[in-house]
Amino acid sequence: REIGSIVRSLGCFPTEAELHELLAKVEEEEPTGYIHLEKFLPVMTKVLLDRSYRPIPEDVLLHAFEALDVNKCGYISKEDLVKYLTEE
């Protein structure tokens, strides 16, 4: 269920159809809801090396950082970024 989140956290932004294709490559013949790491790693390594999916659009990324910039100062402090990445 979380394959989309995992792939997106690696900087890839596949469409839902592409995500289903990826899932078909790594799923067991009888889907269990789990993906074995041994099947996922080689497929995802190839995806990353081939740059198979477009990256997250710049405006989406910028909007995410603007949402974290509560003081509207145009940047996020190192401390706040560490807090968001580890606690939120």
PDB file of N, CA and C in Angstrom:
ATOM      1  N   ARG A   1       0.816  -1.206   0.000  1.00  0.00           N
ATOM      2  CA  ARG A   1       0.000   0.000   0.000  1.00  0.00           C
ATOM      3  C   ARG A   1       0.848   1.253   0.000  1.00  0.00           C
ATOM      4  N   GLU A   2       2.029   1.182   0.534  1.00  0.00           N
ATOM      5  CA  GLU A   2       2.861   2.373   0.702  1.00  0.00           C
ATOM      6  C   GLU A   2       3.904   2.536  -0.384  1.00  0.00           C
ATOM      7  N   ILE A   3       3.838   1.727  -1.422  1.00  0.00           N
ATOM      8  CA  ILE A   3       4.877   1.780  -2.457  1.00  0.00           C
ATOM      9  C   ILE A   3       4.989   3.175  -3.070  1.00  0.00           C
ATOM     10  N   GLY A   4       3.871   3.850  -3.272  1.00  0.00           N
ATOM     11  CA  GLY A   4       3.900   5.200  -3.836  1.00  0.00           C
ATOM     12  C   GLY A   4       4.665   6.158  -2.944  1.00  0.00           C
ATOM     13  N   SER A   5       4.436   6.092  -1.654  1.00  0.00           N
ATOM     14  CA  SER A   5       5.150   6.955  -0.707  1.00  0.00           C
ATOM     15  C   SER A   5       6.639   6.663  -0.716  1.00  0.00           C
ATOM     16  N   ILE A   6       6.979   5.391  -0.793  1.00  0.00           N
ATOM     17  CA  ILE A   6       8.388   4.996  -0.791  1.00  0.00           C
ATOM     18  C   ILE A   6       9.087   5.503  -2.038  1.00  0.00           C
ATOM     19  N   VAL A   7       8.458   5.292  -3.192  1.00  0.00           N
ATOM     20  CA  VAL A   7       9.059   5.715  -4.456  1.00  0.00           C
ATOM     21  C   VAL A   7       9.169   7.238  -4.507  1.00  0.00           C
ATOM     22  N   ARG A   8       8.139   7.932  -4.051  1.00  0.00           N
ATOM     23  CA  ARG A   8       8.177   9.407  -4.048  1.00  0.00           C
ATOM     24  C   ARG A   8       9.222   9.933  -3.079  1.00  0.00           C
ATOM     25  N   SER A   9       9.432   9.228  -1.981  1.00  0.00           N
ATOM     26  CA  SER A   9      10.454   9.676  -1.026  1.00  0.00           C
ATOM     27  C   SER A   9      11.857   9.551  -1.613  1.00  0.00           C
ATOM     28  N   LEU A  10      11.995   8.762  -2.668  1.00  0.00           N
ATOM     29  CA  LEU A  10      13.281   8.611  -3.354  1.00  0.00           C
ATOM     30  C   LEU A  10      13.439   9.624  -4.490  1.00  0.00           C
ATOM     31  N   GLY A  11      12.503  10.579  -4.571  1.00  0.00           N
ATOM     32  CA  GLY A  11      12.619  11.644  -5.556  1.00  0.00           C
ATOM     33  C   GLY A  11      11.998  11.348  -6.900  1.00  0.00           C
ATOM     34  N   CYS A  12      11.217  10.300  -6.986  1.00  0.00           N
ATOM     35  CA  CYS A  12      10.542   9.951  -8.239  1.00  0.00           C
ATOM     36  C   CYS A  12       9.072  10.342  -8.134  1.00  0.00           C
ATOM     37  N   PHE A  13       8.496  10.698  -9.254  1.00  0.00           N
ATOM     38  CA  PHE A  13       7.113  11.154  -9.264  1.00  0.00           C
ATOM     39  C   PHE A  13       6.345  10.417 -10.358  1.00  0.00           C
ATOM     40  N   PRO A  14       6.156   9.091 -10.196  1.00  0.00           N
ATOM     41  CA  PRO A  14       5.474   8.323 -11.235  1.00  0.00           C
ATOM     42  C   PRO A  14       3.972   8.602 -11.247  1.00  0.00           C
ATOM     43  N   THR A  15       3.350   8.378 -12.406  1.00  0.00           N
ATOM     44  CA  THR A  15       1.901   8.445 -12.488  1.00  0.00           C
ATOM     45  C   THR A  15       1.342   7.208 -11.789  1.00  0.00           C
ATOM     46  N   GLU A  16       0.043   7.193 -11.567  1.00  0.00           N
ATOM     47  CA  GLU A  16      -0.561   6.017 -10.937  1.00  0.00           C
ATOM     48  C   GLU A  16      -0.382   4.775 -11.816  1.00  0.00           C
ATOM     49  N   ALA A  17      -0.486   4.955 -13.137  1.00  0.00           N
ATOM     50  CA  ALA A  17      -0.297   3.818 -14.047  1.00  0.00           C
ATOM     51  C   ALA A  17       1.136   3.292 -13.952  1.00  0.00           C
ATOM     52  N   GLU A  18       2.109   4.193 -13.909  1.00  0.00           N
ATOM     53  CA  GLU A  18       3.510   3.780 -13.780  1.00  0.00           C
ATOM     54  C   GLU A  18       3.753   3.085 -12.452  1.00  0.00           C
ATOM     55  N   LEU A  19       3.085   3.559 -11.427  1.00  0.00           N
ATOM     56  CA  LEU A  19       3.212   2.951 -10.106  1.00  0.00           C
ATOM     57  C   LEU A  19       2.667   1.524 -10.114  1.00  0.00           C
ATOM     58  N   HIS A  20       1.555   1.315 -10.809  1.00  0.00           N
ATOM     59  CA  HIS A  20       0.990  -0.033 -10.910  1.00  0.00           C
ATOM     60  C   HIS A  20       1.915  -0.959 -11.698  1.00  0.00           C
ATOM     61  N   GLU A  21       2.571  -0.423 -12.734  1.00  0.00           N
ATOM     62  CA  GLU A  21       3.533  -1.220 -13.502  1.00  0.00           C
ATOM     63  C   GLU A  21       4.712  -1.624 -12.624  1.00  0.00           C
ATOM     64  N   LEU A  22       5.201  -0.682 -11.832  1.00  0.00           N
ATOM     65  CA  LEU A  22       6.312  -0.961 -10.921  1.00  0.00           C
ATOM     66  C   LEU A  22       5.903  -2.017  -9.900  1.00  0.00           C
ATOM     67  N   LEU A  23       4.723  -1.868  -9.382  1.00  0.00           N
ATOM     68  CA  LEU A  23       4.216  -2.819  -8.396  1.00  0.00           C
ATOM     69  C   LEU A  23       4.122  -4.224  -8.985  1.00  0.00           C
ATOM     70  N   ALA A  24       3.702  -4.314 -10.234  1.00  0.00           N
ATOM     71  CA  ALA A  24       3.609  -5.617 -10.896  1.00  0.00           C
ATOM     72  C   ALA A  24       4.978  -6.280 -11.022  1.00  0.00           C
ATOM     73  N   LYS A  25       6.033  -5.481 -11.144  1.00  0.00           N
ATOM     74  CA  LYS A  25       7.389  -6.030 -11.274  1.00  0.00           C
ATOM     75  C   LYS A  25       7.927  -6.582  -9.964  1.00  0.00           C
ATOM     76  N   VAL A  26       7.473  -6.020  -8.843  1.00  0.00           N
ATOM     77  CA  VAL A  26       8.057  -6.409  -7.559  1.00  0.00           C
ATOM     78  C   VAL A  26       7.148  -7.276  -6.702  1.00  0.00           C
ATOM     79  N   GLU A  27       5.878  -7.373  -7.068  1.00  0.00           N
ATOM     80  CA  GLU A  27       4.948  -8.188  -6.289  1.00  0.00           C
ATOM     81  C   GLU A  27       5.185  -9.671  -6.516  1.00  0.00           C
ATOM     82  N   GLU A  28       4.826 -10.439  -5.543  1.00  0.00           N
ATOM     83  CA  GLU A  28       4.857 -11.889  -5.664  1.00  0.00           C
ATOM     84  C   GLU A  28       3.746 -12.311  -6.624  1.00  0.00           C
ATOM     85  N   GLU A  29       3.828 -13.536  -7.116  1.00  0.00           N
ATOM     86  CA  GLU A  29       2.788 -14.037  -8.007  1.00  0.00           C
ATOM     87  C   GLU A  29       1.422 -14.017  -7.332  1.00  0.00           C
ATOM     88  N   GLU A  30       1.399 -14.363  -6.074  1.00  0.00           N
ATOM     89  CA  GLU A  30       0.176 -14.257  -5.280  1.00  0.00           C
ATOM     90  C   GLU A  30       0.329 -13.031  -4.389  1.00  0.00           C
ATOM     91  N   PRO A  31      -0.295 -11.899  -4.745  1.00  0.00           N
ATOM     92  CA  PRO A  31      -0.115 -10.668  -3.950  1.00  0.00           C
ATOM     93  C   PRO A  31      -0.487 -10.875  -2.482  1.00  0.00           C
ATOM     94  N   THR A  32       0.421 -10.448  -1.613  1.00  0.00           N
ATOM     95  CA  THR A  32       0.208 -10.585  -0.177  1.00  0.00           C
ATOM     96  C   THR A  32       0.038  -9.231   0.500  1.00  0.00           C
ATOM     97  N   GLY A  33       0.295  -8.160  -0.237  1.00  0.00           N
ATOM     98  CA  GLY A  33       0.265  -6.844   0.375  1.00  0.00           C
ATOM     99  C   GLY A  33       1.644  -6.414   0.838  1.00  0.00           C
ATOM    100  N   TYR A  34       2.606  -7.318   0.718  1.00  0.00           N
ATOM    101  CA  TYR A  34       3.980  -7.039   1.115  1.00  0.00           C
ATOM    102  C   TYR A  34       4.901  -7.205  -0.083  1.00  0.00           C
ATOM    103  N   ILE A  35       5.990  -6.462  -0.064  1.00  0.00           N
ATOM    104  CA  ILE A  35       6.993  -6.563  -1.124  1.00  0.00           C
ATOM    105  C   ILE A  35       8.305  -6.953  -0.458  1.00  0.00           C
ATOM    106  N   HIS A  36       8.954  -7.949  -0.995  1.00  0.00           N
ATOM    107  CA  HIS A  36      10.231  -8.378  -0.448  1.00  0.00           C
ATOM    108  C   HIS A  36      11.329  -7.425  -0.918  1.00  0.00           C
ATOM    109  N   LEU A  37      12.165  -7.051   0.003  1.00  0.00           N
ATOM    110  CA  LEU A  37      13.250  -6.125  -0.281  1.00  0.00           C
ATOM    111  C   LEU A  37      14.150  -6.639  -1.403  1.00  0.00           C
ATOM    112  N   GLU A  38      14.363  -7.945  -1.444  1.00  0.00           N
ATOM    113  CA  GLU A  38      15.242  -8.518  -2.472  1.00  0.00           C
ATOM    114  C   GLU A  38      14.696  -8.290  -3.884  1.00  0.00           C
ATOM    115  N   LYS A  39      13.383  -8.187  -4.018  1.00  0.00           N
ATOM    116  CA  LYS A  39      12.783  -7.922  -5.330  1.00  0.00           C
ATOM    117  C   LYS A  39      12.725  -6.421  -5.600  1.00  0.00           C
ATOM    118  N   PHE A  40      12.510  -5.637  -4.554  1.00  0.00           N
ATOM    119  CA  PHE A  40      12.350  -4.194  -4.705  1.00  0.00           C
ATOM    120  C   PHE A  40      13.660  -3.496  -5.057  1.00  0.00           C
ATOM    121  N   LEU A  41      14.734  -3.852  -4.372  1.00  0.00           N
ATOM    122  CA  LEU A  41      16.005  -3.141  -4.553  1.00  0.00           C
ATOM    123  C   LEU A  41      16.519  -3.139  -5.991  1.00  0.00           C
ATOM    124  N   PRO A  42      16.601  -4.271  -6.676  1.00  0.00           N
ATOM    125  CA  PRO A  42      17.112  -4.222  -8.048  1.00  0.00           C
ATOM    126  C   PRO A  42      16.211  -3.421  -8.993  1.00  0.00           C
ATOM    127  N   VAL A  43      14.900  -3.552  -8.812  1.00  0.00           N
ATOM    128  CA  VAL A  43      13.975  -2.814  -9.679  1.00  0.00           C
ATOM    129  C   VAL A  43      14.099  -1.318  -9.413  1.00  0.00           C
ATOM    130  N   MET A  44      14.124  -0.929  -8.157  1.00  0.00           N
ATOM    131  CA  MET A  44      14.199   0.495  -7.819  1.00  0.00           C
ATOM    132  C   MET A  44      15.562   1.067  -8.172  1.00  0.00           C
ATOM    133  N   THR A  45      16.615   0.294  -8.047  1.00  0.00           N
ATOM    134  CA  THR A  45      17.949   0.753  -8.450  1.00  0.00           C
ATOM    135  C   THR A  45      17.962   1.085  -9.933  1.00  0.00           C
ATOM    136  N   LYS A  46      17.370   0.215 -10.735  1.00  0.00           N
ATOM    137  CA  LYS A  46      17.293   0.465 -12.181  1.00  0.00           C
ATOM    138  C   LYS A  46      16.462   1.712 -12.471  1.00  0.00           C
ATOM    139  N   VAL A  47      15.355   1.869 -11.775  1.00  0.00           N
ATOM    140  CA  VAL A  47      14.499   3.051 -11.955  1.00  0.00           C
ATOM    141  C   VAL A  47      15.294   4.320 -11.666  1.00  0.00           C
ATOM    142  N   LEU A  48      16.036   4.317 -10.571  1.00  0.00           N
ATOM    143  CA  LEU A  48      16.807   5.504 -10.196  1.00  0.00           C
ATOM    144  C   LEU A  48      17.950   5.782 -11.165  1.00  0.00           C
ATOM    145  N   LEU A  49      18.666   4.738 -11.557  1.00  0.00           N
ATOM    146  CA  LEU A  49      19.794   4.922 -12.476  1.00  0.00           C
ATOM    147  C   LEU A  49      19.338   5.350 -13.865  1.00  0.00           C
ATOM    148  N   ASP A  50      18.193   4.834 -14.303  1.00  0.00           N
ATOM    149  CA  ASP A  50      17.667   5.176 -15.630  1.00  0.00           C
ATOM    150  C   ASP A  50      16.852   6.468 -15.625  1.00  0.00           C
ATOM    151  N   ARG A  51      16.633   7.003 -14.446  1.00  0.00           N
ATOM    152  CA  ARG A  51      15.769   8.186 -14.292  1.00  0.00           C
ATOM    153  C   ARG A  51      14.443   7.965 -15.018  1.00  0.00           C
ATOM    154  N   SER A  52      13.820   6.847 -14.665  1.00  0.00           N
ATOM    155  CA  SER A  52      12.610   6.397 -15.343  1.00  0.00           C
ATOM    156  C   SER A  52      11.407   7.311 -15.146  1.00  0.00           C
ATOM    157  N   TYR A  53      11.338   7.983 -14.024  1.00  0.00           N
ATOM    158  CA  TYR A  53      10.189   8.842 -13.732  1.00  0.00           C
ATOM    159  C   TYR A  53      10.646  10.288 -13.608  1.00  0.00           C
ATOM    160  N   ARG A  54       9.755  11.160 -13.976  1.00  0.00           N
ATOM    161  CA  ARG A  54      10.097  12.588 -13.873  1.00  0.00           C
ATOM    162  C   ARG A  54      10.228  12.957 -12.394  1.00  0.00           C
ATOM    163  N   PRO A  55      11.071  13.944 -12.102  1.00  0.00           N
ATOM    164  CA  PRO A  55      11.208  14.363 -10.703  1.00  0.00           C
ATOM    165  C   PRO A  55       9.986  15.171 -10.265  1.00  0.00           C
ATOM    166  N   ILE A  56       9.906  15.414  -8.992  1.00  0.00           N
ATOM    167  CA  ILE A  56       8.818  16.240  -8.463  1.00  0.00           C
ATOM    168  C   ILE A  56       8.915  17.616  -9.112  1.00  0.00           C
ATOM    169  N   PRO A  57       7.803  18.148  -9.625  1.00  0.00           N
ATOM    170  CA  PRO A  57       7.845  19.470 -10.248  1.00  0.00           C
ATOM    171  C   PRO A  57       8.337  20.537  -9.266  1.00  0.00           C
ATOM    172  N   GLU A  58       9.140  21.452  -9.778  1.00  0.00           N
ATOM    173  CA  GLU A  58       9.752  22.480  -8.943  1.00  0.00           C
ATOM    174  C   GLU A  58       8.716  23.293  -8.173  1.00  0.00           C
ATOM    175  N   ASP A  59       7.604  23.628  -8.802  1.00  0.00           N
ATOM    176  CA  ASP A  59       6.598  24.445  -8.123  1.00  0.00           C
ATOM    177  C   ASP A  59       5.946  23.705  -6.955  1.00  0.00           C
ATOM    178  N   VAL A  60       5.808  22.392  -7.062  1.00  0.00           N
ATOM    179  CA  VAL A  60       5.248  21.594  -5.966  1.00  0.00           C
ATOM    180  C   VAL A  60       6.218  21.587  -4.784  1.00  0.00           C
ATOM    181  N   LEU A  61       7.491  21.406  -5.087  1.00  0.00           N
ATOM    182  CA  LEU A  61       8.513  21.409  -4.044  1.00  0.00           C
ATOM    183  C   LEU A  61       8.600  22.775  -3.364  1.00  0.00           C
ATOM    184  N   LEU A  62       8.569  23.832  -4.166  1.00  0.00           N
ATOM    185  CA  LEU A  62       8.616  25.191  -3.628  1.00  0.00           C
ATOM    186  C   LEU A  62       7.412  25.452  -2.728  1.00  0.00           C
ATOM    187  N   HIS A  63       6.247  25.005  -3.159  1.00  0.00           N
ATOM    188  CA  HIS A  63       5.035  25.191  -2.352  1.00  0.00           C
ATOM    189  C   HIS A  63       5.154  24.473  -1.009  1.00  0.00           C
ATOM    190  N   ALA A  64       5.755  23.287  -1.007  1.00  0.00           N
ATOM    191  CA  ALA A  64       5.940  22.539   0.238  1.00  0.00           C
ATOM    192  C   ALA A  64       6.842  23.314   1.195  1.00  0.00           C
ATOM    193  N   PHE A  65       7.935  23.880   0.675  1.00  0.00           N
ATOM    194  CA  PHE A  65       8.821  24.652   1.541  1.00  0.00           C
ATOM    195  C   PHE A  65       8.166  25.941   2.004  1.00  0.00           C
ATOM    196  N   GLU A  66       7.360  26.568   1.145  1.00  0.00           N
ATOM    197  CA  GLU A  66       6.649  27.786   1.558  1.00  0.00           C
ATOM    198  C   GLU A  66       5.688  27.481   2.707  1.00  0.00           C
ATOM    199  N   ALA A  67       5.083  26.300   2.687  1.00  0.00           N
ATOM    200  CA  ALA A  67       4.165  25.910   3.759  1.00  0.00           C
ATOM    201  C   ALA A  67       4.905  25.735   5.083  1.00  0.00           C
ATOM    202  N   LEU A  68       6.169  25.330   5.009  1.00  0.00           N
ATOM    203  CA  LEU A  68       6.965  25.154   6.230  1.00  0.00           C
ATOM    204  C   LEU A  68       7.549  26.464   6.745  1.00  0.00           C
ATOM    205  N   ASP A  69       7.612  27.464   5.881  1.00  0.00           N
ATOM    206  CA  ASP A  69       8.178  28.781   6.233  1.00  0.00           C
ATOM    207  C   ASP A  69       7.106  29.621   6.914  1.00  0.00           C
ATOM    208  N   VAL A  70       6.827  29.305   8.182  1.00  0.00           N
ATOM    209  CA  VAL A  70       5.731  29.956   8.902  1.00  0.00           C
ATOM    210  C   VAL A  70       5.951  31.453   9.092  1.00  0.00           C
ATOM    211  N   ASN A  71       7.192  31.899   9.155  1.00  0.00           N
ATOM    212  CA  ASN A  71       7.487  33.325   9.335  1.00  0.00           C
ATOM    213  C   ASN A  71       7.538  34.088   8.016  1.00  0.00           C
ATOM    214  N   LYS A  72       7.374  33.379   6.897  1.00  0.00           N
ATOM    215  CA  LYS A  72       7.405  33.972   5.553  1.00  0.00           C
ATOM    216  C   LYS A  72       8.667  34.800   5.328  1.00  0.00           C
ATOM    217  N   CYS A  73       9.822  34.238   5.741  1.00  0.00           N
ATOM    218  CA  CYS A  73      11.093  34.942   5.587  1.00  0.00           C
ATOM    219  C   CYS A  73      11.869  34.467   4.360  1.00  0.00           C
ATOM    220  N   GLY A  74      11.345  33.466   3.644  1.00  0.00           N
ATOM    221  CA  GLY A  74      11.992  33.014   2.430  1.00  0.00           C
ATOM    222  C   GLY A  74      12.992  31.888   2.626  1.00  0.00           C
ATOM    223  N   TYR A  75      13.108  31.387   3.830  1.00  0.00           N
ATOM    224  CA  TYR A  75      14.004  30.268   4.096  1.00  0.00           C
ATOM    225  C   TYR A  75      13.523  29.524   5.334  1.00  0.00           C
ATOM    226  N   ILE A  76      14.078  28.328   5.520  1.00  0.00           N
ATOM    227  CA  ILE A  76      13.793  27.518   6.699  1.00  0.00           C
ATOM    228  C   ILE A  76      15.118  27.316   7.424  1.00  0.00           C
ATOM    229  N   SER A  77      15.119  27.543   8.724  1.00  0.00           N
ATOM    230  CA  SER A  77      16.353  27.354   9.483  1.00  0.00           C
ATOM    231  C   SER A  77      16.721  25.878   9.508  1.00  0.00           C
ATOM    232  N   LYS A  78      18.001  25.631   9.723  1.00  0.00           N
ATOM    233  CA  LYS A  78      18.484  24.249   9.806  1.00  0.00           C
ATOM    234  C   LYS A  78      17.760  23.511  10.921  1.00  0.00           C
ATOM    235  N   GLU A  79      17.560  24.178  12.040  1.00  0.00           N
ATOM    236  CA  GLU A  79      16.904  23.552  13.181  1.00  0.00           C
ATOM    237  C   GLU A  79      15.459  23.166  12.842  1.00  0.00           C
ATOM    238  N   ASP A  80      14.738  24.079  12.148  1.00  0.00           N
ATOM    239  CA  ASP A  80      13.363  23.779  11.774  1.00  0.00           C
ATOM    240  C   ASP A  80      13.303  22.625  10.773  1.00  0.00           C
ATOM    241  N   LEU A  81      14.216  22.625   9.816  1.00  0.00           N
ATOM    242  CA  LEU A  81      14.230  21.551   8.815  1.00  0.00           C
ATOM    243  C   LEU A  81      14.493  20.203   9.487  1.00  0.00           C
ATOM    244  N   VAL A  82      15.460  20.171  10.403  1.00  0.00           N
ATOM    245  CA  VAL A  82      15.744  18.932  11.131  1.00  0.00           C
ATOM    246  C   VAL A  82      14.494  18.504  11.916  1.00  0.00           C
ATOM    247  N   LYS A  83      13.830  19.453  12.543  1.00  0.00           N
ATOM    248  CA  LYS A  83      12.615  19.144  13.318  1.00  0.00           C
ATOM    249  C   LYS A  83      11.545  18.558  12.402  1.00  0.00           C
ATOM    250  N   TYR A  84      11.296  19.190  11.257  1.00  0.00           N
ATOM    251  CA  TYR A  84      10.269  18.700  10.333  1.00  0.00           C
ATOM    252  C   TYR A  84      10.607  17.311   9.800  1.00  0.00           C
ATOM    253  N   LEU A  85      11.867  17.084   9.492  1.00  0.00           N
ATOM    254  CA  LEU A  85      12.263  15.811   8.898  1.00  0.00           C
ATOM    255  C   LEU A  85      12.316  14.671   9.907  1.00  0.00           C
ATOM    256  N   THR A  86      12.487  14.996  11.172  1.00  0.00           N
ATOM    257  CA  THR A  86      12.608  13.934  12.172  1.00  0.00           C
ATOM    258  C   THR A  86      11.398  13.792  13.087  1.00  0.00           C
ATOM    259  N   GLU A  87      10.622  14.861  13.257  1.00  0.00           N
ATOM    260  CA  GLU A  87       9.535  14.805  14.208  1.00  0.00           C
ATOM    261  C   GLU A  87       8.149  14.885  13.594  1.00  0.00           C
ATOM    262  N   GLU A  88       8.011  15.588  12.517  1.00  0.00           N
ATOM    263  CA  GLU A  88       6.671  15.842  11.943  1.00  0.00           C
ATOM    264  C   GLU A  88       6.254  14.705  11.037  1.00  0.00           C
TER     265      GLU A  88
END
